[in-house]
Amino acid sequence: HKHMQKHANILRPKFEAVDETLERELGGKGIGDWSKPAGGYFISLNTLEGCAAEVVNMTGAAGVKLTAAGATFPYHKDPNNRNIRIAPALPSLDDIGQAMECVAICVQIVSIRRFLS
């Protein structure tokens, strides 16, 4: 139990950093929602329908590696192309902050493109 508490203390700030960035950059805009897990290793980010794969590709081109869009679905096929699984356990807290800024910017750009098309 003590070991898991230490592990939680290491992970908690990383998950909080993801949530804080998403809330600041995407909150109230209607272009995404995300889980706020009380345990586990992943945060589930849902973009507008049809946008997840483009967000993942755009962040990758900017140097931020994300899990493939739809990875949480059977055969990795999200029928609505909305879901991105974020795994903040491994990167440093500083890297997470920078990466999530990139993710949030990409979600906004892809969402604007979706609205304009």
PDB file of N, CA and C in Angstrom:
ATOM      1  N   HIS A   1       0.827  -1.184   0.000  1.00  0.00           N
ATOM      2  CA  HIS A   1       0.000   0.000   0.000  1.00  0.00           C
ATOM      3  C   HIS A   1       0.880   1.261   0.000  1.00  0.00           C
ATOM      4  N   LYS A   2       1.961   1.256   0.789  1.00  0.00           N
ATOM      5  CA  LYS A   2       2.861   2.405   0.837  1.00  0.00           C
ATOM      6  C   LYS A   2       3.522   2.659  -0.515  1.00  0.00           C
ATOM      7  N   HIS A   3       3.906   1.575  -1.166  1.00  0.00           N
ATOM      8  CA  HIS A   3       4.533   1.705  -2.487  1.00  0.00           C
ATOM      9  C   HIS A   3       3.568   2.337  -3.479  1.00  0.00           C
ATOM     10  N   MET A   4       2.331   1.902  -3.482  1.00  0.00           N
ATOM     11  CA  MET A   4       1.343   2.449  -4.410  1.00  0.00           C
ATOM     12  C   MET A   4       1.031   3.912  -4.081  1.00  0.00           C
ATOM     13  N   GLN A   5       1.077   4.267  -2.819  1.00  0.00           N
ATOM     14  CA  GLN A   5       0.864   5.668  -2.430  1.00  0.00           C
ATOM     15  C   GLN A   5       1.987   6.549  -2.972  1.00  0.00           C
ATOM     16  N   LYS A   6       3.230   6.044  -2.892  1.00  0.00           N
ATOM     17  CA  LYS A   6       4.362   6.781  -3.462  1.00  0.00           C
ATOM     18  C   LYS A   6       4.190   6.950  -4.967  1.00  0.00           C
ATOM     19  N   HIS A   7       3.751   5.887  -5.605  1.00  0.00           N
ATOM     20  CA  HIS A   7       3.520   5.919  -7.053  1.00  0.00           C
ATOM     21  C   HIS A   7       2.433   6.952  -7.387  1.00  0.00           C
ATOM     22  N   ALA A   8       1.371   6.957  -6.627  1.00  0.00           N
ATOM     23  CA  ALA A   8       0.289   7.934  -6.841  1.00  0.00           C
ATOM     24  C   ALA A   8       0.801   9.351  -6.662  1.00  0.00           C
ATOM     25  N   ASN A   9       1.668   9.569  -5.701  1.00  0.00           N
ATOM     26  CA  ASN A   9       2.215  10.902  -5.461  1.00  0.00           C
ATOM     27  C   ASN A   9       3.086  11.385  -6.614  1.00  0.00           C
ATOM     28  N   ILE A  10       3.720  10.455  -7.310  1.00  0.00           N
ATOM     29  CA  ILE A  10       4.520  10.798  -8.491  1.00  0.00           C
ATOM     30  C   ILE A  10       3.607  11.110  -9.673  1.00  0.00           C
ATOM     31  N   LEU A  11       2.563  10.307  -9.848  1.00  0.00           N
ATOM     32  CA  LEU A  11       1.682  10.459 -11.008  1.00  0.00           C
ATOM     33  C   LEU A  11       0.693  11.623 -10.893  1.00  0.00           C
ATOM     34  N   ARG A  12       0.215  11.891  -9.698  1.00  0.00           N
ATOM     35  CA  ARG A  12      -0.838  12.898  -9.510  1.00  0.00           C
ATOM     36  C   ARG A  12      -0.506  14.249 -10.162  1.00  0.00           C
ATOM     37  N   PRO A  13       0.687  14.822  -9.942  1.00  0.00           N
ATOM     38  CA  PRO A  13       0.976  16.118 -10.570  1.00  0.00           C
ATOM     39  C   PRO A  13       0.963  16.067 -12.097  1.00  0.00           C
ATOM     40  N   LYS A  14       1.307  14.933 -12.653  1.00  0.00           N
ATOM     41  CA  LYS A  14       1.299  14.787 -14.107  1.00  0.00           C
ATOM     42  C   LYS A  14      -0.130  14.802 -14.639  1.00  0.00           C
ATOM     43  N   PHE A  15      -1.013  14.094 -13.975  1.00  0.00           N
ATOM     44  CA  PHE A  15      -2.417  14.079 -14.382  1.00  0.00           C
ATOM     45  C   PHE A  15      -3.053  15.447 -14.166  1.00  0.00           C
ATOM     46  N   GLU A  16      -2.673  16.108 -13.078  1.00  0.00           N
ATOM     47  CA  GLU A  16      -3.182  17.451 -12.816  1.00  0.00           C
ATOM     48  C   GLU A  16      -2.711  18.431 -13.879  1.00  0.00           C
ATOM     49  N   ALA A  17      -1.475  18.294 -14.348  1.00  0.00           N
ATOM     50  CA  ALA A  17      -0.950  19.177 -15.390  1.00  0.00           C
ATOM     51  C   ALA A  17      -1.723  19.011 -16.690  1.00  0.00           C
ATOM     52  N   VAL A  18      -2.052  17.770 -17.038  1.00  0.00           N
ATOM     53  CA  VAL A  18      -2.854  17.529 -18.242  1.00  0.00           C
ATOM     54  C   VAL A  18      -4.209  18.197 -18.094  1.00  0.00           C
ATOM     55  N   ASP A  19      -4.866  17.954 -16.970  1.00  0.00           N
ATOM     56  CA  ASP A  19      -6.198  18.520 -16.753  1.00  0.00           C
ATOM     57  C   ASP A  19      -6.168  20.047 -16.748  1.00  0.00           C
ATOM     58  N   GLU A  20      -5.200  20.632 -16.077  1.00  0.00           N
ATOM     59  CA  GLU A  20      -5.100  22.095 -16.013  1.00  0.00           C
ATOM     60  C   GLU A  20      -4.926  22.705 -17.400  1.00  0.00           C
ATOM     61  N   THR A  21      -4.082  22.109 -18.217  1.00  0.00           N
ATOM     62  CA  THR A  21      -3.858  22.632 -19.562  1.00  0.00           C
ATOM     63  C   THR A  21      -5.107  22.480 -20.419  1.00  0.00           C
ATOM     64  N   LEU A  22      -5.717  21.309 -20.378  1.00  0.00           N
ATOM     65  CA  LEU A  22      -6.932  21.110 -21.179  1.00  0.00           C
ATOM     66  C   LEU A  22      -8.041  22.052 -20.723  1.00  0.00           C
ATOM     67  N   GLU A  23      -8.186  22.226 -19.430  1.00  0.00           N
ATOM     68  CA  GLU A  23      -9.220  23.130 -18.919  1.00  0.00           C
ATOM     69  C   GLU A  23      -8.957  24.569 -19.357  1.00  0.00           C
ATOM     70  N   ARG A  24      -7.730  24.995 -19.243  1.00  0.00           N
ATOM     71  CA  ARG A  24      -7.365  26.368 -19.611  1.00  0.00           C
ATOM     72  C   ARG A  24      -7.546  26.611 -21.114  1.00  0.00           C
ATOM     73  N   GLU A  25      -7.127  25.664 -21.923  1.00  0.00           N
ATOM     74  CA  GLU A  25      -7.107  25.865 -23.377  1.00  0.00           C
ATOM     75  C   GLU A  25      -8.381  25.436 -24.095  1.00  0.00           C
ATOM     76  N   LEU A  26      -9.063  24.422 -23.563  1.00  0.00           N
ATOM     77  CA  LEU A  26     -10.238  23.887 -24.256  1.00  0.00           C
ATOM     78  C   LEU A  26     -11.540  24.058 -23.482  1.00  0.00           C
ATOM     79  N   GLY A  27     -11.434  24.277 -22.184  1.00  0.00           N
ATOM     80  CA  GLY A  27     -12.617  24.349 -21.337  1.00  0.00           C
ATOM     81  C   GLY A  27     -13.614  25.395 -21.805  1.00  0.00           C
ATOM     82  N   GLY A  28     -14.872  25.004 -21.891  1.00  0.00           N
ATOM     83  CA  GLY A  28     -15.947  25.909 -22.254  1.00  0.00           C
ATOM     84  C   GLY A  28     -16.044  26.239 -23.730  1.00  0.00           C
ATOM     85  N   LYS A  29     -15.185  25.671 -24.560  1.00  0.00           N
ATOM     86  CA  LYS A  29     -15.203  25.970 -25.996  1.00  0.00           C
ATOM     87  C   LYS A  29     -16.064  25.008 -26.794  1.00  0.00           C
ATOM     88  N   GLY A  30     -16.470  23.901 -26.175  1.00  0.00           N
ATOM     89  CA  GLY A  30     -17.305  22.935 -26.877  1.00  0.00           C
ATOM     90  C   GLY A  30     -16.587  22.135 -27.948  1.00  0.00           C
ATOM     91  N   ILE A  31     -15.266  22.061 -27.859  1.00  0.00           N
ATOM     92  CA  ILE A  31     -14.508  21.330 -28.877  1.00  0.00           C
ATOM     93  C   ILE A  31     -13.805  20.101 -28.318  1.00  0.00           C
ATOM     94  N   GLY A  32     -14.020  19.806 -27.056  1.00  0.00           N
ATOM     95  CA  GLY A  32     -13.419  18.618 -26.472  1.00  0.00           C
ATOM     96  C   GLY A  32     -13.857  18.430 -25.039  1.00  0.00           C
ATOM     97  N   ASP A  33     -13.795  17.191 -24.623  1.00  0.00           N
ATOM     98  CA  ASP A  33     -14.016  16.857 -23.221  1.00  0.00           C
ATOM     99  C   ASP A  33     -13.050  15.738 -22.875  1.00  0.00           C
ATOM    100  N   TRP A  34     -12.798  15.561 -21.588  1.00  0.00           N
ATOM    101  CA  TRP A  34     -11.806  14.592 -21.175  1.00  0.00           C
ATOM    102  C   TRP A  34     -12.170  14.017 -19.816  1.00  0.00           C
ATOM    103  N   SER A  35     -11.630  12.830 -19.567  1.00  0.00           N
ATOM    104  CA  SER A  35     -11.871  12.158 -18.292  1.00  0.00           C
ATOM    105  C   SER A  35     -10.949  12.750 -17.231  1.00  0.00           C
ATOM    106  N   LYS A  36     -11.362  12.584 -15.995  1.00  0.00           N
ATOM    107  CA  LYS A  36     -10.558  13.012 -14.851  1.00  0.00           C
ATOM    108  C   LYS A  36     -10.444  11.815 -13.920  1.00  0.00           C
ATOM    109  N   PRO A  37      -9.585  10.861 -14.302  1.00  0.00           N
ATOM    110  CA  PRO A  37      -9.520   9.601 -13.558  1.00  0.00           C
ATOM    111  C   PRO A  37      -8.995   9.770 -12.137  1.00  0.00           C
ATOM    112  N   ALA A  38      -9.514   8.952 -11.250  1.00  0.00           N
ATOM    113  CA  ALA A  38      -9.057   8.924  -9.864  1.00  0.00           C
ATOM    114  C   ALA A  38      -8.017   7.825  -9.670  1.00  0.00           C
ATOM    115  N   GLY A  39      -7.617   7.191 -10.738  1.00  0.00           N
ATOM    116  CA  GLY A  39      -6.622   6.130 -10.719  1.00  0.00           C
ATOM    117  C   GLY A  39      -6.338   5.709 -12.144  1.00  0.00           C
ATOM    118  N   GLY A  40      -5.433   4.799 -12.308  1.00  0.00           N
ATOM    119  CA  GLY A  40      -5.109   4.313 -13.636  1.00  0.00           C
ATOM    120  C   GLY A  40      -3.971   5.091 -14.267  1.00  0.00           C
ATOM    121  N   TYR A  41      -3.772   4.898 -15.569  1.00  0.00           N
ATOM    122  CA  TYR A  41      -2.625   5.466 -16.267  1.00  0.00           C
ATOM    123  C   TYR A  41      -2.991   6.309 -17.478  1.00  0.00           C
ATOM    124  N   PHE A  42      -4.285   6.489 -17.747  1.00  0.00           N
ATOM    125  CA  PHE A  42      -4.684   7.176 -18.973  1.00  0.00           C
ATOM    126  C   PHE A  42      -5.753   8.225 -18.728  1.00  0.00           C
ATOM    127  N   ILE A  43      -5.748   9.227 -19.581  1.00  0.00           N
ATOM    128  CA  ILE A  43      -6.810  10.220 -19.666  1.00  0.00           C
ATOM    129  C   ILE A  43      -7.407  10.063 -21.052  1.00  0.00           C
ATOM    130  N   SER A  44      -8.715  10.069 -21.133  1.00  0.00           N
ATOM    131  CA  SER A  44      -9.410   9.933 -22.406  1.00  0.00           C
ATOM    132  C   SER A  44      -9.858  11.313 -22.867  1.00  0.00           C
ATOM    133  N   LEU A  45      -9.299  11.784 -23.986  1.00  0.00           N
ATOM    134  CA  LEU A  45      -9.656  13.073 -24.574  1.00  0.00           C
ATOM    135  C   LEU A  45     -10.548  12.824 -25.774  1.00  0.00           C
ATOM    136  N   ASN A  46     -11.713  13.439 -25.782  1.00  0.00           N
ATOM    137  CA  ASN A  46     -12.626  13.340 -26.919  1.00  0.00           C
ATOM    138  C   ASN A  46     -12.677  14.676 -27.638  1.00  0.00           C
ATOM    139  N   THR A  47     -12.355  14.648 -28.925  1.00  0.00           N
ATOM    140  CA  THR A  47     -12.400  15.826 -29.779  1.00  0.00           C
ATOM    141  C   THR A  47     -13.779  15.919 -30.425  1.00  0.00           C
ATOM    142  N   LEU A  48     -13.939  16.885 -31.303  1.00  0.00           N
ATOM    143  CA  LEU A  48     -15.135  16.902 -32.133  1.00  0.00           C
ATOM    144  C   LEU A  48     -15.129  15.662 -33.018  1.00  0.00           C
ATOM    145  N   GLU A  49     -16.288  15.226 -33.424  1.00  0.00           N
ATOM    146  CA  GLU A  49     -16.387  14.058 -34.290  1.00  0.00           C
ATOM    147  C   GLU A  49     -15.561  14.254 -35.554  1.00  0.00           C
ATOM    148  N   GLY A  50     -14.797  13.223 -35.888  1.00  0.00           N
ATOM    149  CA  GLY A  50     -14.003  13.236 -37.108  1.00  0.00           C
ATOM    150  C   GLY A  50     -12.653  13.923 -36.993  1.00  0.00           C
ATOM    151  N   CYS A  51     -12.237  14.316 -35.797  1.00  0.00           N
ATOM    152  CA  CYS A  51     -11.019  15.121 -35.648  1.00  0.00           C
ATOM    153  C   CYS A  51      -9.838  14.427 -34.985  1.00  0.00           C
ATOM    154  N   ALA A  52     -10.035  13.332 -34.277  1.00  0.00           N
ATOM    155  CA  ALA A  52      -8.975  12.751 -33.455  1.00  0.00           C
ATOM    156  C   ALA A  52      -7.740  12.364 -34.263  1.00  0.00           C
ATOM    157  N   ALA A  53      -7.910  11.668 -35.360  1.00  0.00           N
ATOM    158  CA  ALA A  53      -6.755  11.217 -36.138  1.00  0.00           C
ATOM    159  C   ALA A  53      -5.947  12.404 -36.658  1.00  0.00           C
ATOM    160  N   GLU A  54      -6.625  13.446 -37.094  1.00  0.00           N
ATOM    161  CA  GLU A  54      -5.922  14.628 -37.582  1.00  0.00           C
ATOM    162  C   GLU A  54      -5.153  15.319 -36.449  1.00  0.00           C
ATOM    163  N   VAL A  55      -5.741  15.374 -35.262  1.00  0.00           N
ATOM    164  CA  VAL A  55      -5.040  15.949 -34.108  1.00  0.00           C
ATOM    165  C   VAL A  55      -3.781  15.137 -33.811  1.00  0.00           C
ATOM    166  N   VAL A  56      -3.897  13.825 -33.783  1.00  0.00           N
ATOM    167  CA  VAL A  56      -2.734  12.970 -33.503  1.00  0.00           C
ATOM    168  C   VAL A  56      -1.659  13.168 -34.570  1.00  0.00           C
ATOM    169  N   ASN A  57      -2.049  13.244 -35.831  1.00  0.00           N
ATOM    170  CA  ASN A  57      -1.075  13.460 -36.909  1.00  0.00           C
ATOM    171  C   ASN A  57      -0.400  14.819 -36.788  1.00  0.00           C
ATOM    172  N   MET A  58      -1.181  15.846 -36.479  1.00  0.00           N
ATOM    173  CA  MET A  58      -0.636  17.195 -36.365  1.00  0.00           C
ATOM    174  C   MET A  58       0.331  17.299 -35.187  1.00  0.00           C
ATOM    175  N   THR A  59      -0.030  16.716 -34.060  1.00  0.00           N
ATOM    176  CA  THR A  59       0.879  16.768 -32.906  1.00  0.00           C
ATOM    177  C   THR A  59       2.153  15.981 -33.208  1.00  0.00           C
ATOM    178  N   GLY A  60       2.014  14.871 -33.905  1.00  0.00           N
ATOM    179  CA  GLY A  60       3.194  14.088 -34.286  1.00  0.00           C
ATOM    180  C   GLY A  60       4.131  14.883 -35.175  1.00  0.00           C
ATOM    181  N   ALA A  61       3.566  15.629 -36.128  1.00  0.00           N
ATOM    182  CA  ALA A  61       4.383  16.464 -37.009  1.00  0.00           C
ATOM    183  C   ALA A  61       5.096  17.556 -36.218  1.00  0.00           C
ATOM    184  N   ALA A  62       4.524  17.951 -35.094  1.00  0.00           N
ATOM    185  CA  ALA A  62       5.134  18.970 -34.237  1.00  0.00           C
ATOM    186  C   ALA A  62       6.105  18.357 -33.227  1.00  0.00           C
ATOM    187  N   GLY A  63       6.241  17.027 -33.233  1.00  0.00           N
ATOM    188  CA  GLY A  63       7.189  16.358 -32.355  1.00  0.00           C
ATOM    189  C   GLY A  63       6.613  15.764 -31.086  1.00  0.00           C
ATOM    190  N   VAL A  64       5.285  15.762 -30.964  1.00  0.00           N
ATOM    191  CA  VAL A  64       4.639  15.189 -29.779  1.00  0.00           C
ATOM    192  C   VAL A  64       4.007  13.865 -30.166  1.00  0.00           C
ATOM    193  N   LYS A  65       4.489  12.789 -29.582  1.00  0.00           N
ATOM    194  CA  LYS A  65       3.999  11.448 -29.891  1.00  0.00           C
ATOM    195  C   LYS A  65       2.821  11.104 -28.986  1.00  0.00           C
ATOM    196  N   LEU A  66       1.686  10.792 -29.588  1.00  0.00           N
ATOM    197  CA  LEU A  66       0.496  10.369 -28.854  1.00  0.00           C
ATOM    198  C   LEU A  66       0.137   8.939 -29.246  1.00  0.00           C
ATOM    199  N   THR A  67      -0.646   8.311 -28.402  1.00  0.00           N
ATOM    200  CA  THR A  67      -1.220   7.019 -28.751  1.00  0.00           C
ATOM    201  C   THR A  67      -2.104   7.214 -29.978  1.00  0.00           C
ATOM    202  N   ALA A  68      -2.172   6.239 -30.842  1.00  0.00           N
ATOM    203  CA  ALA A  68      -2.992   6.353 -32.051  1.00  0.00           C
ATOM    204  C   ALA A  68      -4.441   6.673 -31.698  1.00  0.00           C
ATOM    205  N   ALA A  69      -5.057   7.506 -32.515  1.00  0.00           N
ATOM    206  CA  ALA A  69      -6.468   7.828 -32.310  1.00  0.00           C
ATOM    207  C   ALA A  69      -7.280   6.545 -32.321  1.00  0.00           C
ATOM    208  N   GLY A  70      -8.235   6.446 -31.415  1.00  0.00           N
ATOM    209  CA  GLY A  70      -9.106   5.282 -31.355  1.00  0.00           C
ATOM    210  C   GLY A  70      -8.500   4.062 -30.679  1.00  0.00           C
ATOM    211  N   ALA A  71      -7.343   4.215 -30.054  1.00  0.00           N
ATOM    212  CA  ALA A  71      -6.652   3.070 -29.451  1.00  0.00           C
ATOM    213  C   ALA A  71      -7.480   2.370 -28.375  1.00  0.00           C
ATOM    214  N   THR A  72      -8.437   3.043 -27.792  1.00  0.00           N
ATOM    215  CA  THR A  72      -9.242   2.442 -26.727  1.00  0.00           C
ATOM    216  C   THR A  72     -10.401   1.607 -27.262  1.00  0.00           C
ATOM    217  N   PHE A  73     -10.597   1.606 -28.564  1.00  0.00           N
ATOM    218  CA  PHE A  73     -11.717   0.890 -29.171  1.00  0.00           C
ATOM    219  C   PHE A  73     -11.270  -0.460 -29.717  1.00  0.00           C
ATOM    220  N   PRO A  74     -12.201  -1.416 -29.820  1.00  0.00           N
ATOM    221  CA  PRO A  74     -11.856  -2.704 -30.429  1.00  0.00           C
ATOM    222  C   PRO A  74     -11.256  -2.502 -31.820  1.00  0.00           C
ATOM    223  N   TYR A  75     -10.181  -3.188 -32.097  1.00  0.00           N
ATOM    224  CA  TYR A  75      -9.457  -3.101 -33.368  1.00  0.00           C
ATOM    225  C   TYR A  75      -8.956  -1.685 -33.652  1.00  0.00           C
ATOM    226  N   HIS A  76      -8.938  -0.844 -32.628  1.00  0.00           N
ATOM    227  CA  HIS A  76      -8.466   0.543 -32.742  1.00  0.00           C
ATOM    228  C   HIS A  76      -9.299   1.354 -33.739  1.00  0.00           C
ATOM    229  N   LYS A  77     -10.562   1.035 -33.836  1.00  0.00           N
ATOM    230  CA  LYS A  77     -11.466   1.706 -34.776  1.00  0.00           C
ATOM    231  C   LYS A  77     -12.522   2.479 -33.993  1.00  0.00           C
ATOM    232  N   ASP A  78     -12.305   3.753 -33.818  1.00  0.00           N
ATOM    233  CA  ASP A  78     -13.284   4.632 -33.179  1.00  0.00           C
ATOM    234  C   ASP A  78     -14.271   5.044 -34.265  1.00  0.00           C
ATOM    235  N   PRO A  79     -15.510   4.610 -34.189  1.00  0.00           N
ATOM    236  CA  PRO A  79     -16.462   4.901 -35.266  1.00  0.00           C
ATOM    237  C   PRO A  79     -16.719   6.396 -35.453  1.00  0.00           C
ATOM    238  N   ASN A  80     -16.425   7.200 -34.438  1.00  0.00           N
ATOM    239  CA  ASN A  80     -16.644   8.642 -34.545  1.00  0.00           C
ATOM    240  C   ASN A  80     -15.346   9.444 -34.665  1.00  0.00           C
ATOM    241  N   ASN A  81     -14.199   8.752 -34.669  1.00  0.00           N
ATOM    242  CA  ASN A  81     -12.898   9.400 -34.791  1.00  0.00           C
ATOM    243  C   ASN A  81     -12.803  10.589 -33.824  1.00  0.00           C
ATOM    244  N   ARG A  82     -13.066  10.316 -32.547  1.00  0.00           N
ATOM    245  CA  ARG A  82     -13.063  11.364 -31.524  1.00  0.00           C
ATOM    246  C   ARG A  82     -12.039  11.137 -30.422  1.00  0.00           C
ATOM    247  N   ASN A  83     -11.691   9.899 -30.138  1.00  0.00           N
ATOM    248  CA  ASN A  83     -10.984   9.589 -28.898  1.00  0.00           C
ATOM    249  C   ASN A  83      -9.470   9.520 -29.053  1.00  0.00           C
ATOM    250  N   ILE A  84      -8.794  10.174 -28.104  1.00  0.00           N
ATOM    251  CA  ILE A  84      -7.339  10.115 -27.996  1.00  0.00           C
ATOM    252  C   ILE A  84      -7.018   9.725 -26.551  1.00  0.00           C
ATOM    253  N   ARG A  85      -6.204   8.696 -26.387  1.00  0.00           N
ATOM    254  CA  ARG A  85      -5.799   8.260 -25.053  1.00  0.00           C
ATOM    255  C   ARG A  85      -4.469   8.932 -24.714  1.00  0.00           C
ATOM    256  N   ILE A  86      -4.460   9.650 -23.618  1.00  0.00           N
ATOM    257  CA  ILE A  86      -3.262  10.360 -23.174  1.00  0.00           C
ATOM    258  C   ILE A  86      -2.659   9.585 -22.012  1.00  0.00           C
ATOM    259  N   ALA A  87      -1.359   9.309 -22.121  1.00  0.00           N
ATOM    260  CA  ALA A  87      -0.645   8.528 -21.108  1.00  0.00           C
ATOM    261  C   ALA A  87       0.460   9.394 -20.494  1.00  0.00           C
ATOM    262  N   PRO A  88       0.156  10.122 -19.416  1.00  0.00           N
ATOM    263  CA  PRO A  88       1.143  11.039 -18.855  1.00  0.00           C
ATOM    264  C   PRO A  88       2.110  10.430 -17.842  1.00  0.00           C
ATOM    265  N   ALA A  89       2.119   9.133 -17.652  1.00  0.00           N
ATOM    266  CA  ALA A  89       2.938   8.533 -16.595  1.00  0.00           C
ATOM    267  C   ALA A  89       4.438   8.621 -16.872  1.00  0.00           C
ATOM    268  N   LEU A  90       4.869   8.435 -18.092  1.00  0.00           N
ATOM    269  CA  LEU A  90       6.301   8.331 -18.382  1.00  0.00           C
ATOM    270  C   LEU A  90       7.024   9.667 -18.532  1.00  0.00           C
ATOM    271  N   PRO A  91       6.503  10.639 -19.282  1.00  0.00           N
ATOM    272  CA  PRO A  91       7.266  11.878 -19.492  1.00  0.00           C
ATOM    273  C   PRO A  91       7.448  12.677 -18.198  1.00  0.00           C
ATOM    274  N   SER A  92       8.426  13.563 -18.236  1.00  0.00           N
ATOM    275  CA  SER A  92       8.636  14.462 -17.094  1.00  0.00           C
ATOM    276  C   SER A  92       7.483  15.457 -17.020  1.00  0.00           C
ATOM    277  N   LEU A  93       7.343  16.080 -15.886  1.00  0.00           N
ATOM    278  CA  LEU A  93       6.283  17.074 -15.693  1.00  0.00           C
ATOM    279  C   LEU A  93       6.465  18.246 -16.665  1.00  0.00           C
ATOM    280  N   ASP A  94       7.690  18.697 -16.869  1.00  0.00           N
ATOM    281  CA  ASP A  94       7.948  19.785 -17.823  1.00  0.00           C
ATOM    282  C   ASP A  94       7.566  19.376 -19.242  1.00  0.00           C
ATOM    283  N   ASP A  95       7.933  18.158 -19.626  1.00  0.00           N
ATOM    284  CA  ASP A  95       7.595  17.675 -20.966  1.00  0.00           C
ATOM    285  C   ASP A  95       6.086  17.567 -21.142  1.00  0.00           C
ATOM    286  N   ILE A  96       5.391  17.140 -20.111  1.00  0.00           N
ATOM    287  CA  ILE A  96       3.935  17.028 -20.190  1.00  0.00           C
ATOM    288  C   ILE A  96       3.311  18.395 -20.425  1.00  0.00           C
ATOM    289  N   GLY A  97       3.780  19.403 -19.706  1.00  0.00           N
ATOM    290  CA  GLY A  97       3.249  20.750 -19.898  1.00  0.00           C
ATOM    291  C   GLY A  97       3.397  21.227 -21.324  1.00  0.00           C
ATOM    292  N   GLN A  98       4.582  21.059 -21.890  1.00  0.00           N
ATOM    293  CA  GLN A  98       4.830  21.480 -23.273  1.00  0.00           C
ATOM    294  C   GLN A  98       4.018  20.654 -24.257  1.00  0.00           C
ATOM    295  N   ALA A  99       3.972  19.348 -24.037  1.00  0.00           N
ATOM    296  CA  ALA A  99       3.238  18.466 -24.940  1.00  0.00           C
ATOM    297  C   ALA A  99       1.747  18.786 -24.931  1.00  0.00           C
ATOM    298  N   MET A 100       1.195  19.030 -23.759  1.00  0.00           N
ATOM    299  CA  MET A 100      -0.238  19.307 -23.679  1.00  0.00           C
ATOM    300  C   MET A 100      -0.596  20.661 -24.280  1.00  0.00           C
ATOM    301  N   GLU A 101       0.312  21.619 -24.212  1.00  0.00           N
ATOM    302  CA  GLU A 101       0.085  22.896 -24.906  1.00  0.00           C
ATOM    303  C   GLU A 101      -0.033  22.633 -26.406  1.00  0.00           C
ATOM    304  N   CYS A 102       0.848  21.794 -26.926  1.00  0.00           N
ATOM    305  CA  CYS A 102       0.808  21.435 -28.340  1.00  0.00           C
ATOM    306  C   CYS A 102      -0.487  20.714 -28.678  1.00  0.00           C
ATOM    307  N   VAL A 103      -0.871  19.748 -27.859  1.00  0.00           N
ATOM    308  CA  VAL A 103      -2.116  19.012 -28.094  1.00  0.00           C
ATOM    309  C   VAL A 103      -3.294  19.972 -28.118  1.00  0.00           C
ATOM    310  N   ALA A 104      -3.364  20.866 -27.148  1.00  0.00           N
ATOM    311  CA  ALA A 104      -4.488  21.804 -27.071  1.00  0.00           C
ATOM    312  C   ALA A 104      -4.536  22.722 -28.291  1.00  0.00           C
ATOM    313  N   ILE A 105      -3.379  23.206 -28.729  1.00  0.00           N
ATOM    314  CA  ILE A 105      -3.341  24.054 -29.929  1.00  0.00           C
ATOM    315  C   ILE A 105      -3.813  23.272 -31.138  1.00  0.00           C
ATOM    316  N   CYS A 106      -3.354  22.032 -31.269  1.00  0.00           N
ATOM    317  CA  CYS A 106      -3.761  21.202 -32.412  1.00  0.00           C
ATOM    318  C   CYS A 106      -5.257  20.914 -32.381  1.00  0.00           C
ATOM    319  N   VAL A 107      -5.812  20.630 -31.218  1.00  0.00           N
ATOM    320  CA  VAL A 107      -7.261  20.417 -31.120  1.00  0.00           C
ATOM    321  C   VAL A 107      -7.990  21.665 -31.597  1.00  0.00           C
ATOM    322  N   GLN A 108      -7.519  22.831 -31.200  1.00  0.00           N
ATOM    323  CA  GLN A 108      -8.177  24.067 -31.604  1.00  0.00           C
ATOM    324  C   GLN A 108      -8.073  24.300 -33.110  1.00  0.00           C
ATOM    325  N   ILE A 109      -6.897  24.082 -33.676  1.00  0.00           N
ATOM    326  CA  ILE A 109      -6.718  24.277 -35.122  1.00  0.00           C
ATOM    327  C   ILE A 109      -7.597  23.317 -35.908  1.00  0.00           C
ATOM    328  N   VAL A 110      -7.565  22.044 -35.539  1.00  0.00           N
ATOM    329  CA  VAL A 110      -8.369  21.046 -36.259  1.00  0.00           C
ATOM    330  C   VAL A 110      -9.857  21.355 -36.098  1.00  0.00           C
ATOM    331  N   SER A 111     -10.268  21.803 -34.928  1.00  0.00           N
ATOM    332  CA  SER A 111     -11.671  22.160 -34.704  1.00  0.00           C
ATOM    333  C   SER A 111     -12.087  23.341 -35.572  1.00  0.00           C
ATOM    334  N   ILE A 112     -11.230  24.339 -35.665  1.00  0.00           N
ATOM    335  CA  ILE A 112     -11.537  25.494 -36.528  1.00  0.00           C
ATOM    336  C   ILE A 112     -11.674  25.039 -37.973  1.00  0.00           C
ATOM    337  N   ARG A 113     -10.770  24.193 -38.418  1.00  0.00           N
ATOM    338  CA  ARG A 113     -10.869  23.661 -39.787  1.00  0.00           C
ATOM    339  C   ARG A 113     -12.179  22.921 -39.993  1.00  0.00           C
ATOM    340  N   ARG A 114     -12.600  22.158 -38.983  1.00  0.00           N
ATOM    341  CA  ARG A 114     -13.849  21.409 -39.068  1.00  0.00           C
ATOM    342  C   ARG A 114     -15.034  22.368 -39.202  1.00  0.00           C
ATOM    343  N   PHE A 115     -15.027  23.434 -38.406  1.00  0.00           N
ATOM    344  CA  PHE A 115     -16.109  24.407 -38.464  1.00  0.00           C
ATOM    345  C   PHE A 115     -16.152  25.134 -39.797  1.00  0.00           C
ATOM    346  N   LEU A 116     -14.978  25.378 -40.387  1.00  0.00           N
ATOM    347  CA  LEU A 116     -14.915  26.104 -41.660  1.00  0.00           C
ATOM    348  C   LEU A 116     -15.237  25.257 -42.874  1.00  0.00           C
ATOM    349  N   SER A 117     -15.160  23.945 -42.714  1.00  0.00           N
ATOM    350  CA  SER A 117     -15.402  23.074 -43.883  1.00  0.00           C
ATOM    351  C   SER A 117     -16.863  22.733 -44.052  1.00  0.00           C
TER     352      SER A 117
END
